Amino acid sequence: MKTKEIRIGGGEAWQCLVAETTRERTRGLLGREGLESGVFMRLSPCNMIHTFGMRFAIDLVFVDKRNRVVKVIRDLRPGRMAWGGWMARTTLEAQSGWMPEIPIGSLLETL
């Protein structure tokens, strides 16, 4: 799994684990004990996720094909599902609790 840096809305840069293969996207964060603060996992293409079998709550950022934030969901507990909407193409997942406010329409930049 590759690691890149991303920035959302011109804010600070964060580490991003990029799930590139179908296998990596299918597994996502399953089996992990958590993620460090300041780390996202990027799943693309992905507009819907589930937390069945996960061990921790997550925060989600759904992004469209123009790399604009279309939806943010906070504190999604294990055993739930979330849909980013018809426009969502990419999902960023982070361990719940550290992510700052991210306005809808913010631009996702890969550094």
PDB file of N, CA and C in Angstrom:
ATOM      1  N   MET A   1       0.855  -1.179   0.000  1.00  0.00           N
ATOM      2  CA  MET A   1       0.000   0.000   0.000  1.00  0.00           C
ATOM      3  C   MET A   1       0.898   1.238   0.000  1.00  0.00           C
ATOM      4  N   LYS A   2       0.633   2.157  -0.926  1.00  0.00           N
ATOM      5  CA  LYS A   2       1.421   3.375  -1.023  1.00  0.00           C
ATOM      6  C   LYS A   2       0.997   4.385   0.030  1.00  0.00           C
ATOM      7  N   THR A   3       1.906   5.291   0.339  1.00  0.00           N
ATOM      8  CA  THR A   3       1.628   6.384   1.253  1.00  0.00           C
ATOM      9  C   THR A   3       1.888   7.696   0.520  1.00  0.00           C
ATOM     10  N   LYS A   4       0.944   8.626   0.614  1.00  0.00           N
ATOM     11  CA  LYS A   4       1.093   9.953   0.016  1.00  0.00           C
ATOM     12  C   LYS A   4       0.713  10.988   1.053  1.00  0.00           C
ATOM     13  N   GLU A   5       0.992  12.236   0.741  1.00  0.00           N
ATOM     14  CA  GLU A   5       0.523  13.327   1.577  1.00  0.00           C
ATOM     15  C   GLU A   5      -0.622  14.014   0.871  1.00  0.00           C
ATOM     16  N   ILE A   6      -1.630  14.422   1.650  1.00  0.00           N
ATOM     17  CA  ILE A   6      -2.774  15.134   1.102  1.00  0.00           C
ATOM     18  C   ILE A   6      -3.021  16.399   1.916  1.00  0.00           C
ATOM     19  N   ARG A   7      -3.756  17.294   1.308  1.00  0.00           N
ATOM     20  CA  ARG A   7      -4.186  18.525   1.975  1.00  0.00           C
ATOM     21  C   ARG A   7      -5.633  18.757   1.554  1.00  0.00           C
ATOM     22  N   ILE A   8      -6.464  19.163   2.500  1.00  0.00           N
ATOM     23  CA  ILE A   8      -7.868  19.446   2.200  1.00  0.00           C
ATOM     24  C   ILE A   8      -8.145  20.908   2.523  1.00  0.00           C
ATOM     25  N   GLY A   9      -8.607  21.631   1.516  1.00  0.00           N
ATOM     26  CA  GLY A   9      -8.965  23.032   1.718  1.00  0.00           C
ATOM     27  C   GLY A   9      -7.808  23.931   2.065  1.00  0.00           C
ATOM     28  N   GLY A  10      -6.608  23.592   1.630  1.00  0.00           N
ATOM     29  CA  GLY A  10      -5.447  24.431   1.886  1.00  0.00           C
ATOM     30  C   GLY A  10      -4.916  24.358   3.306  1.00  0.00           C
ATOM     31  N   GLY A  11      -5.431  23.428   4.108  1.00  0.00           N
ATOM     32  CA  GLY A  11      -4.974  23.275   5.490  1.00  0.00           C
ATOM     33  C   GLY A  11      -3.646  22.544   5.570  1.00  0.00           C
ATOM     34  N   GLU A  12      -3.380  21.974   6.720  1.00  0.00           N
ATOM     35  CA  GLU A  12      -2.124  21.252   6.914  1.00  0.00           C
ATOM     36  C   GLU A  12      -2.107  19.945   6.128  1.00  0.00           C
ATOM     37  N   ALA A  13      -0.898  19.439   5.883  1.00  0.00           N
ATOM     38  CA  ALA A  13      -0.739  18.184   5.140  1.00  0.00           C
ATOM     39  C   ALA A  13      -0.886  17.006   6.092  1.00  0.00           C
ATOM     40  N   TRP A  14      -1.535  15.934   5.592  1.00  0.00           N
ATOM     41  CA  TRP A  14      -1.718  14.715   6.363  1.00  0.00           C
ATOM     42  C   TRP A  14      -1.213  13.530   5.570  1.00  0.00           C
ATOM     43  N   GLN A  15      -0.838  12.490   6.281  1.00  0.00           N
ATOM     44  CA  GLN A  15      -0.418  11.245   5.640  1.00  0.00           C
ATOM     45  C   GLN A  15      -1.658  10.505   5.155  1.00  0.00           C
ATOM     46  N   CYS A  16      -1.545   9.847   4.002  1.00  0.00           N
ATOM     47  CA  CYS A  16      -2.674   9.126   3.431  1.00  0.00           C
ATOM     48  C   CYS A  16      -2.210   7.775   2.910  1.00  0.00           C
ATOM     49  N   LEU A  17      -2.791   6.702   3.439  1.00  0.00           N
ATOM     50  CA  LEU A  17      -2.539   5.357   2.931  1.00  0.00           C
ATOM     51  C   LEU A  17      -3.471   5.159   1.747  1.00  0.00           C
ATOM     52  N   VAL A  18      -2.930   4.791   0.591  1.00  0.00           N
ATOM     53  CA  VAL A  18      -3.727   4.679  -0.620  1.00  0.00           C
ATOM     54  C   VAL A  18      -3.982   3.209  -0.935  1.00  0.00           C
ATOM     55  N   ALA A  19      -5.246   2.803  -0.824  1.00  0.00           N
ATOM     56  CA  ALA A  19      -5.643   1.433  -1.167  1.00  0.00           C
ATOM     57  C   ALA A  19      -5.832   1.391  -2.684  1.00  0.00           C
ATOM     58  N   GLU A  20      -4.875   0.796  -3.388  1.00  0.00           N
ATOM     59  CA  GLU A  20      -4.881   0.831  -4.850  1.00  0.00           C
ATOM     60  C   GLU A  20      -5.547  -0.382  -5.492  1.00  0.00           C
ATOM     61  N   THR A  21      -5.369  -1.539  -4.926  1.00  0.00           N
ATOM     62  CA  THR A  21      -5.918  -2.748  -5.535  1.00  0.00           C
ATOM     63  C   THR A  21      -7.313  -3.037  -4.987  1.00  0.00           C
ATOM     64  N   THR A  22      -8.042  -3.873  -5.699  1.00  0.00           N
ATOM     65  CA  THR A  22      -9.376  -4.276  -5.224  1.00  0.00           C
ATOM     66  C   THR A  22      -9.266  -4.935  -3.859  1.00  0.00           C
ATOM     67  N   ARG A  23      -8.263  -5.748  -3.676  1.00  0.00           N
ATOM     68  CA  ARG A  23      -8.068  -6.433  -2.390  1.00  0.00           C
ATOM     69  C   ARG A  23      -7.837  -5.428  -1.259  1.00  0.00           C
ATOM     70  N   GLU A  24      -6.976  -4.434  -1.496  1.00  0.00           N
ATOM     71  CA  GLU A  24      -6.713  -3.415  -0.475  1.00  0.00           C
ATOM     72  C   GLU A  24      -7.964  -2.608  -0.161  1.00  0.00           C
ATOM     73  N   ARG A  25      -8.744  -2.253  -1.198  1.00  0.00           N
ATOM     74  CA  ARG A  25      -9.982  -1.492  -0.972  1.00  0.00           C
ATOM     75  C   ARG A  25     -11.005  -2.322  -0.214  1.00  0.00           C
ATOM     76  N   THR A  26     -11.108  -3.609  -0.544  1.00  0.00           N
ATOM     77  CA  THR A  26     -12.067  -4.488   0.134  1.00  0.00           C
ATOM     78  C   THR A  26     -11.719  -4.629   1.614  1.00  0.00           C
ATOM     79  N   ARG A  27     -10.456  -4.763   1.913  1.00  0.00           N
ATOM     80  CA  ARG A  27     -10.031  -4.928   3.308  1.00  0.00           C
ATOM     81  C   ARG A  27     -10.121  -3.612   4.068  1.00  0.00           C
ATOM     82  N   GLY A  28      -9.688  -2.526   3.445  1.00  0.00           N
ATOM     83  CA  GLY A  28      -9.749  -1.213   4.096  1.00  0.00           C
ATOM     84  C   GLY A  28      -9.089  -1.216   5.462  1.00  0.00           C
ATOM     85  N   LEU A  29      -9.843  -0.823   6.469  1.00  0.00           N
ATOM     86  CA  LEU A  29      -9.325  -0.757   7.840  1.00  0.00           C
ATOM     87  C   LEU A  29      -9.682  -1.988   8.668  1.00  0.00           C
ATOM     88  N   LEU A  30     -10.323  -2.971   8.052  1.00  0.00           N
ATOM     89  CA  LEU A  30     -10.691  -4.182   8.788  1.00  0.00           C
ATOM     90  C   LEU A  30      -9.443  -4.881   9.331  1.00  0.00           C
ATOM     91  N   GLY A  31      -9.525  -5.325  10.557  1.00  0.00           N
ATOM     92  CA  GLY A  31      -8.418  -6.030  11.192  1.00  0.00           C
ATOM     93  C   GLY A  31      -7.418  -5.126  11.886  1.00  0.00           C
ATOM     94  N   ARG A  32      -7.518  -3.827  11.678  1.00  0.00           N
ATOM     95  CA  ARG A  32      -6.601  -2.886  12.343  1.00  0.00           C
ATOM     96  C   ARG A  32      -7.143  -2.513  13.715  1.00  0.00           C
ATOM     97  N   GLU A  33      -6.234  -2.185  14.589  1.00  0.00           N
ATOM     98  CA  GLU A  33      -6.606  -1.716  15.931  1.00  0.00           C
ATOM     99  C   GLU A  33      -6.943  -0.232  15.923  1.00  0.00           C
ATOM    100  N   GLY A  34      -6.539   0.464  14.871  1.00  0.00           N
ATOM    101  CA  GLY A  34      -6.790   1.899  14.760  1.00  0.00           C
ATOM    102  C   GLY A  34      -5.820   2.521  13.784  1.00  0.00           C
ATOM    103  N   LEU A  35      -5.920   3.828  13.633  1.00  0.00           N
ATOM    104  CA  LEU A  35      -5.001   4.623  12.824  1.00  0.00           C
ATOM    105  C   LEU A  35      -4.458   5.742  13.703  1.00  0.00           C
ATOM    106  N   GLU A  36      -3.251   6.171  13.422  1.00  0.00           N
ATOM    107  CA  GLU A  36      -2.671   7.290  14.168  1.00  0.00           C
ATOM    108  C   GLU A  36      -3.400   8.575  13.812  1.00  0.00           C
ATOM    109  N   SER A  37      -3.348   9.548  14.699  1.00  0.00           N
ATOM    110  CA  SER A  37      -3.887  10.867  14.386  1.00  0.00           C
ATOM    111  C   SER A  37      -3.124  11.437  13.207  1.00  0.00           C
ATOM    112  N   GLY A  38      -3.823  12.101  12.306  1.00  0.00           N
ATOM    113  CA  GLY A  38      -3.197  12.698  11.139  1.00  0.00           C
ATOM    114  C   GLY A  38      -3.024  11.754   9.972  1.00  0.00           C
ATOM    115  N   VAL A  39      -3.630  10.560  10.048  1.00  0.00           N
ATOM    116  CA  VAL A  39      -3.511   9.570   8.969  1.00  0.00           C
ATOM    117  C   VAL A  39      -4.896   9.216   8.434  1.00  0.00           C
ATOM    118  N   PHE A  40      -5.028   9.276   7.106  1.00  0.00           N
ATOM    119  CA  PHE A  40      -6.234   8.851   6.404  1.00  0.00           C
ATOM    120  C   PHE A  40      -5.945   7.586   5.623  1.00  0.00           C
ATOM    121  N   MET A  41      -6.991   6.846   5.277  1.00  0.00           N
ATOM    122  CA  MET A  41      -6.903   5.800   4.260  1.00  0.00           C
ATOM    123  C   MET A  41      -7.801   6.245   3.119  1.00  0.00           C
ATOM    124  N   ARG A  42      -7.254   6.198   1.895  1.00  0.00           N
ATOM    125  CA  ARG A  42      -8.003   6.610   0.705  1.00  0.00           C
ATOM    126  C   ARG A  42      -8.479   5.384  -0.067  1.00  0.00           C
ATOM    127  N   LEU A  43      -9.789   5.320  -0.316  1.00  0.00           N
ATOM    128  CA  LEU A  43     -10.399   4.246  -1.089  1.00  0.00           C
ATOM    129  C   LEU A  43     -11.022   4.865  -2.335  1.00  0.00           C
ATOM    130  N   SER A  44     -10.572   4.413  -3.509  1.00  0.00           N
ATOM    131  CA  SER A  44     -11.097   4.971  -4.750  1.00  0.00           C
ATOM    132  C   SER A  44     -11.021   3.931  -5.863  1.00  0.00           C
ATOM    133  N   PRO A  45     -12.091   3.681  -6.569  1.00  0.00           N
ATOM    134  CA  PRO A  45     -13.410   4.299  -6.429  1.00  0.00           C
ATOM    135  C   PRO A  45     -14.150   3.743  -5.220  1.00  0.00           C
ATOM    136  N   CYS A  46     -14.896   4.598  -4.552  1.00  0.00           N
ATOM    137  CA  CYS A  46     -15.656   4.177  -3.372  1.00  0.00           C
ATOM    138  C   CYS A  46     -16.629   5.284  -2.980  1.00  0.00           C
ATOM    139  N   ASN A  47     -17.931   4.980  -2.968  1.00  0.00           N
ATOM    140  CA  ASN A  47     -18.908   5.963  -2.501  1.00  0.00           C
ATOM    141  C   ASN A  47     -19.762   5.431  -1.352  1.00  0.00           C
ATOM    142  N   MET A  48     -19.456   4.202  -0.899  1.00  0.00           N
ATOM    143  CA  MET A  48     -20.191   3.614   0.224  1.00  0.00           C
ATOM    144  C   MET A  48     -19.232   2.740   1.021  1.00  0.00           C
ATOM    145  N   ILE A  49     -19.323   2.820   2.334  1.00  0.00           N
ATOM    146  CA  ILE A  49     -18.470   1.978   3.176  1.00  0.00           C
ATOM    147  C   ILE A  49     -19.320   1.327   4.273  1.00  0.00           C
ATOM    148  N   HIS A  50     -18.742   0.300   4.882  1.00  0.00           N
ATOM    149  CA  HIS A  50     -19.369  -0.318   6.051  1.00  0.00           C
ATOM    150  C   HIS A  50     -18.310  -0.463   7.130  1.00  0.00           C
ATOM    151  N   THR A  51     -18.771  -0.600   8.349  1.00  0.00           N
ATOM    152  CA  THR A  51     -17.848  -0.786   9.471  1.00  0.00           C
ATOM    153  C   THR A  51     -18.115  -2.104  10.186  1.00  0.00           C
ATOM    154  N   PHE A  52     -18.730  -3.062   9.481  1.00  0.00           N
ATOM    155  CA  PHE A  52     -18.961  -4.374  10.075  1.00  0.00           C
ATOM    156  C   PHE A  52     -17.618  -5.061  10.303  1.00  0.00           C
ATOM    157  N   GLY A  53     -17.378  -5.521  11.509  1.00  0.00           N
ATOM    158  CA  GLY A  53     -16.126  -6.190  11.846  1.00  0.00           C
ATOM    159  C   GLY A  53     -15.013  -5.245  12.260  1.00  0.00           C
ATOM    160  N   MET A  54     -15.263  -3.936  12.255  1.00  0.00           N
ATOM    161  CA  MET A  54     -14.226  -2.988  12.658  1.00  0.00           C
ATOM    162  C   MET A  54     -14.179  -2.878  14.177  1.00  0.00           C
ATOM    163  N   ARG A  55     -13.053  -2.402  14.669  1.00  0.00           N
ATOM    164  CA  ARG A  55     -12.824  -2.321  16.115  1.00  0.00           C
ATOM    165  C   ARG A  55     -12.860  -0.904  16.664  1.00  0.00           C
ATOM    166  N   PHE A  56     -13.093   0.082  15.785  1.00  0.00           N
ATOM    167  CA  PHE A  56     -13.071   1.468  16.243  1.00  0.00           C
ATOM    168  C   PHE A  56     -13.970   2.311  15.346  1.00  0.00           C
ATOM    169  N   ALA A  57     -14.393   3.452  15.864  1.00  0.00           N
ATOM    170  CA  ALA A  57     -15.224   4.385  15.094  1.00  0.00           C
ATOM    171  C   ALA A  57     -14.342   5.181  14.139  1.00  0.00           C
ATOM    172  N   ILE A  58     -14.945   5.612  13.018  1.00  0.00           N
ATOM    173  CA  ILE A  58     -14.185   6.365  12.028  1.00  0.00           C
ATOM    174  C   ILE A  58     -14.910   7.638  11.614  1.00  0.00           C
ATOM    175  N   ASP A  59     -14.117   8.576  11.098  1.00  0.00           N
ATOM    176  CA  ASP A  59     -14.631   9.774  10.452  1.00  0.00           C
ATOM    177  C   ASP A  59     -14.421   9.587   8.954  1.00  0.00           C
ATOM    178  N   LEU A  60     -15.345  10.098   8.139  1.00  0.00           N
ATOM    179  CA  LEU A  60     -15.299   9.904   6.690  1.00  0.00           C
ATOM    180  C   LEU A  60     -15.383  11.226   5.958  1.00  0.00           C
ATOM    181  N   VAL A  61     -14.649  11.301   4.845  1.00  0.00           N
ATOM    182  CA  VAL A  61     -14.743  12.424   3.927  1.00  0.00           C
ATOM    183  C   VAL A  61     -14.990  11.826   2.545  1.00  0.00           C
ATOM    184  N   PHE A  62     -16.127  12.174   1.928  1.00  0.00           N
ATOM    185  CA  PHE A  62     -16.446  11.709   0.587  1.00  0.00           C
ATOM    186  C   PHE A  62     -16.113  12.825  -0.401  1.00  0.00           C
ATOM    187  N   VAL A  63     -15.440  12.446  -1.493  1.00  0.00           N
ATOM    188  CA  VAL A  63     -14.929  13.415  -2.466  1.00  0.00           C
ATOM    189  C   VAL A  63     -15.453  13.054  -3.856  1.00  0.00           C
ATOM    190  N   ASP A  64     -15.785  14.071  -4.671  1.00  0.00           N
ATOM    191  CA  ASP A  64     -16.278  13.816  -6.026  1.00  0.00           C
ATOM    192  C   ASP A  64     -15.136  13.704  -7.036  1.00  0.00           C
ATOM    193  N   LYS A  65     -15.467  13.556  -8.321  1.00  0.00           N
ATOM    194  CA  LYS A  65     -14.452  13.352  -9.355  1.00  0.00           C
ATOM    195  C   LYS A  65     -13.599  14.592  -9.601  1.00  0.00           C
ATOM    196  N   ARG A  66     -14.044  15.759  -9.142  1.00  0.00           N
ATOM    197  CA  ARG A  66     -13.253  16.994  -9.262  1.00  0.00           C
ATOM    198  C   ARG A  66     -12.405  17.246  -8.016  1.00  0.00           C
ATOM    199  N   ASN A  67     -12.367  16.257  -7.119  1.00  0.00           N
ATOM    200  CA  ASN A  67     -11.625  16.343  -5.855  1.00  0.00           C
ATOM    201  C   ASN A  67     -12.189  17.376  -4.886  1.00  0.00           C
ATOM    202  N   ARG A  68     -13.504  17.564  -4.924  1.00  0.00           N
ATOM    203  CA  ARG A  68     -14.190  18.446  -3.982  1.00  0.00           C
ATOM    204  C   ARG A  68     -14.930  17.618  -2.948  1.00  0.00           C
ATOM    205  N   VAL A  69     -14.882  18.052  -1.695  1.00  0.00           N
ATOM    206  CA  VAL A  69     -15.585  17.362  -0.610  1.00  0.00           C
ATOM    207  C   VAL A  69     -17.089  17.526  -0.801  1.00  0.00           C
ATOM    208  N   VAL A  70     -17.810  16.384  -0.817  1.00  0.00           N
ATOM    209  CA  VAL A  70     -19.272  16.425  -0.985  1.00  0.00           C
ATOM    210  C   VAL A  70     -20.018  16.023   0.287  1.00  0.00           C
ATOM    211  N   LYS A  71     -19.343  15.326   1.200  1.00  0.00           N
ATOM    212  CA  LYS A  71     -20.020  14.902   2.436  1.00  0.00           C
ATOM    213  C   LYS A  71     -18.969  14.546   3.481  1.00  0.00           C
ATOM    214  N   VAL A  72     -19.250  14.868   4.737  1.00  0.00           N
ATOM    215  CA  VAL A  72     -18.396  14.504   5.865  1.00  0.00           C
ATOM    216  C   VAL A  72     -19.271  13.814   6.904  1.00  0.00           C
ATOM    217  N   ILE A  73     -18.828  12.672   7.380  1.00  0.00           N
ATOM    218  CA  ILE A  73     -19.541  11.935   8.433  1.00  0.00           C
ATOM    219  C   ILE A  73     -18.563  11.718   9.578  1.00  0.00           C
ATOM    220  N   ARG A  74     -18.993  12.017  10.771  1.00  0.00           N
ATOM    221  CA  ARG A  74     -18.126  11.868  11.946  1.00  0.00           C
ATOM    222  C   ARG A  74     -18.641  10.767  12.864  1.00  0.00           C
ATOM    223  N   ASP A  75     -17.685  10.080  13.491  1.00  0.00           N
ATOM    224  CA  ASP A  75     -17.955   9.095  14.536  1.00  0.00           C
ATOM    225  C   ASP A  75     -18.900   7.976  14.081  1.00  0.00           C
ATOM    226  N   LEU A  76     -18.604   7.371  12.943  1.00  0.00           N
ATOM    227  CA  LEU A  76     -19.370   6.218  12.473  1.00  0.00           C
ATOM    228  C   LEU A  76     -18.869   4.995  13.230  1.00  0.00           C
ATOM    229  N   ARG A  77     -19.727   4.452  14.072  1.00  0.00           N
ATOM    230  CA  ARG A  77     -19.349   3.335  14.939  1.00  0.00           C
ATOM    231  C   ARG A  77     -19.326   2.009  14.186  1.00  0.00           C
ATOM    232  N   PRO A  78     -18.663   1.008  14.744  1.00  0.00           N
ATOM    233  CA  PRO A  78     -18.656  -0.326  14.120  1.00  0.00           C
ATOM    234  C   PRO A  78     -20.078  -0.857  13.928  1.00  0.00           C
ATOM    235  N   GLY A  79     -20.267  -1.623  12.844  1.00  0.00           N
ATOM    236  CA  GLY A  79     -21.566  -2.222  12.559  1.00  0.00           C
ATOM    237  C   GLY A  79     -22.524  -1.311  11.812  1.00  0.00           C
ATOM    238  N   ARG A  80     -22.007  -0.259  11.189  1.00  0.00           N
ATOM    239  CA  ARG A  80     -22.862   0.699  10.470  1.00  0.00           C
ATOM    240  C   ARG A  80     -22.454   0.783   8.995  1.00  0.00           C
ATOM    241  N   MET A  81     -23.283   1.478   8.197  1.00  0.00           N
ATOM    242  CA  MET A  81     -22.985   1.745   6.791  1.00  0.00           C
ATOM    243  C   MET A  81     -23.122   3.246   6.544  1.00  0.00           C
ATOM    244  N   ALA A  82     -22.384   3.735   5.538  1.00  0.00           N
ATOM    245  CA  ALA A  82     -22.479   5.142   5.164  1.00  0.00           C
ATOM    246  C   ALA A  82     -22.350   5.269   3.657  1.00  0.00           C
ATOM    247  N   TRP A  83     -23.172   6.151   3.092  1.00  0.00           N
ATOM    248  CA  TRP A  83     -23.163   6.401   1.661  1.00  0.00           C
ATOM    249  C   TRP A  83     -22.825   7.862   1.429  1.00  0.00           C
ATOM    250  N   GLY A  84     -21.918   8.114   0.501  1.00  0.00           N
ATOM    251  CA  GLY A  84     -21.491   9.478   0.212  1.00  0.00           C
ATOM    252  C   GLY A  84     -22.360  10.220  -0.785  1.00  0.00           C
ATOM    253  N   GLY A  85     -23.303   9.519  -1.394  1.00  0.00           N
ATOM    254  CA  GLY A  85     -24.168  10.146  -2.383  1.00  0.00           C
ATOM    255  C   GLY A  85     -23.724   9.808  -3.793  1.00  0.00           C
ATOM    256  N   TRP A  86     -24.561  10.204  -4.769  1.00  0.00           N
ATOM    257  CA  TRP A  86     -24.296   9.879  -6.171  1.00  0.00           C
ATOM    258  C   TRP A  86     -23.021  10.514  -6.694  1.00  0.00           C
ATOM    259  N   MET A  87     -22.636  11.639  -6.171  1.00  0.00           N
ATOM    260  CA  MET A  87     -21.468  12.355  -6.680  1.00  0.00           C
ATOM    261  C   MET A  87     -20.140  11.822  -6.127  1.00  0.00           C
ATOM    262  N   ALA A  88     -20.170  11.135  -5.016  1.00  0.00           N
ATOM    263  CA  ALA A  88     -18.935  10.674  -4.360  1.00  0.00           C
ATOM    264  C   ALA A  88     -18.211   9.640  -5.219  1.00  0.00           C
ATOM    265  N   ARG A  89     -16.895   9.784  -5.321  1.00  0.00           N
ATOM    266  CA  ARG A  89     -16.059   8.845  -6.068  1.00  0.00           C
ATOM    267  C   ARG A  89     -14.931   8.274  -5.216  1.00  0.00           C
ATOM    268  N   THR A  90     -14.557   9.017  -4.187  1.00  0.00           N
ATOM    269  CA  THR A  90     -13.443   8.636  -3.325  1.00  0.00           C
ATOM    270  C   THR A  90     -13.863   8.813  -1.873  1.00  0.00           C
ATOM    271  N   THR A  91     -13.374   7.919  -1.008  1.00  0.00           N
ATOM    272  CA  THR A  91     -13.647   8.031   0.422  1.00  0.00           C
ATOM    273  C   THR A  91     -12.330   8.094   1.177  1.00  0.00           C
ATOM    274  N   LEU A  92     -12.237   9.036   2.111  1.00  0.00           N
ATOM    275  CA  LEU A  92     -11.112   9.111   3.028  1.00  0.00           C
ATOM    276  C   LEU A  92     -11.622   8.683   4.399  1.00  0.00           C
ATOM    277  N   GLU A  93     -10.922   7.734   5.016  1.00  0.00           N
ATOM    278  CA  GLU A  93     -11.299   7.249   6.345  1.00  0.00           C
ATOM    279  C   GLU A  93     -10.212   7.625   7.337  1.00  0.00           C
ATOM    280  N   ALA A  94     -10.624   8.025   8.528  1.00  0.00           N
ATOM    281  CA  ALA A  94      -9.692   8.364   9.604  1.00  0.00           C
ATOM    282  C   ALA A  94     -10.271   7.871  10.920  1.00  0.00           C
ATOM    283  N   GLN A  95      -9.397   7.588  11.876  1.00  0.00           N
ATOM    284  CA  GLN A  95      -9.902   7.211  13.190  1.00  0.00           C
ATOM    285  C   GLN A  95     -10.646   8.396  13.777  1.00  0.00           C
ATOM    286  N   SER A  96     -11.787   8.148  14.344  1.00  0.00           N
ATOM    287  CA  SER A  96     -12.655   9.185  14.871  1.00  0.00           C
ATOM    288  C   SER A  96     -11.957  10.006  15.953  1.00  0.00           C
ATOM    289  N   GLY A  97     -12.193  11.323  15.899  1.00  0.00           N
ATOM    290  CA  GLY A  97     -11.781  12.174  16.996  1.00  0.00           C
ATOM    291  C   GLY A  97     -10.748  13.237  16.694  1.00  0.00           C
ATOM    292  N   TRP A  98      -9.881  13.076  15.711  1.00  0.00           N
ATOM    293  CA  TRP A  98      -8.821  14.067  15.499  1.00  0.00           C
ATOM    294  C   TRP A  98      -9.066  15.011  14.328  1.00  0.00           C
ATOM    295  N   MET A  99      -9.924  14.621  13.406  1.00  0.00           N
ATOM    296  CA  MET A  99     -10.083  15.363  12.163  1.00  0.00           C
ATOM    297  C   MET A  99     -10.690  16.745  12.421  1.00  0.00           C
ATOM    298  N   PRO A 100     -10.064  17.805  11.886  1.00  0.00           N
ATOM    299  CA  PRO A 100     -10.620  19.153  12.070  1.00  0.00           C
ATOM    300  C   PRO A 100     -11.867  19.354  11.209  1.00  0.00           C
ATOM    301  N   GLU A 101     -12.498  20.489  11.346  1.00  0.00           N
ATOM    302  CA  GLU A 101     -13.668  20.830  10.538  1.00  0.00           C
ATOM    303  C   GLU A 101     -13.261  20.910   9.072  1.00  0.00           C
ATOM    304  N   ILE A 102     -14.006  20.214   8.217  1.00  0.00           N
ATOM    305  CA  ILE A 102     -13.736  20.210   6.781  1.00  0.00           C
ATOM    306  C   ILE A 102     -15.012  20.651   6.074  1.00  0.00           C
ATOM    307  N   PRO A 103     -15.017  21.858   5.507  1.00  0.00           N
ATOM    308  CA  PRO A 103     -16.228  22.358   4.850  1.00  0.00           C
ATOM    309  C   PRO A 103     -16.530  21.621   3.546  1.00  0.00           C
ATOM    310  N   ILE A 104     -17.816  21.459   3.252  1.00  0.00           N
ATOM    311  CA  ILE A 104     -18.258  20.921   1.972  1.00  0.00           C
ATOM    312  C   ILE A 104     -17.737  21.850   0.878  1.00  0.00           C
ATOM    313  N   GLY A 105     -17.239  21.269  -0.212  1.00  0.00           N
ATOM    314  CA  GLY A 105     -16.694  22.065  -1.312  1.00  0.00           C
ATOM    315  C   GLY A 105     -15.197  22.275  -1.243  1.00  0.00           C
ATOM    316  N   SER A 106     -14.572  21.890  -0.128  1.00  0.00           N
ATOM    317  CA  SER A 106     -13.117  22.022  -0.001  1.00  0.00           C
ATOM    318  C   SER A 106     -12.425  21.155  -1.043  1.00  0.00           C
ATOM    319  N   LEU A 107     -11.268  21.608  -1.516  1.00  0.00           N
ATOM    320  CA  LEU A 107     -10.501  20.884  -2.528  1.00  0.00           C
ATOM    321  C   LEU A 107      -9.516  19.921  -1.870  1.00  0.00           C
ATOM    322  N   LEU A 108      -9.500  18.664  -2.351  1.00  0.00           N
ATOM    323  CA  LEU A 108      -8.530  17.665  -1.910  1.00  0.00           C
ATOM    324  C   LEU A 108      -7.332  17.747  -2.842  1.00  0.00           C
ATOM    325  N   GLU A 109      -6.137  17.969  -2.280  1.00  0.00           N
ATOM    326  CA  GLU A 109      -4.910  18.032  -3.066  1.00  0.00           C
ATOM    327  C   GLU A 109      -3.984  16.902  -2.664  1.00  0.00           C
ATOM    328  N   THR A 110      -3.404  16.250  -3.651  1.00  0.00           N
ATOM    329  CA  THR A 110      -2.375  15.238  -3.390  1.00  0.00           C
ATOM    330  C   THR A 110      -1.036  15.934  -3.576  1.00  0.00           C
ATOM    331  N   LEU A 111      -0.175  15.831  -2.571  1.00  0.00           N
ATOM    332  CA  LEU A 111       1.126  16.517  -2.615  1.00  0.00           C
ATOM    333  C   LEU A 111       2.223  15.611  -3.119  1.00  0.00           C
TER     334      LEU A 111
END
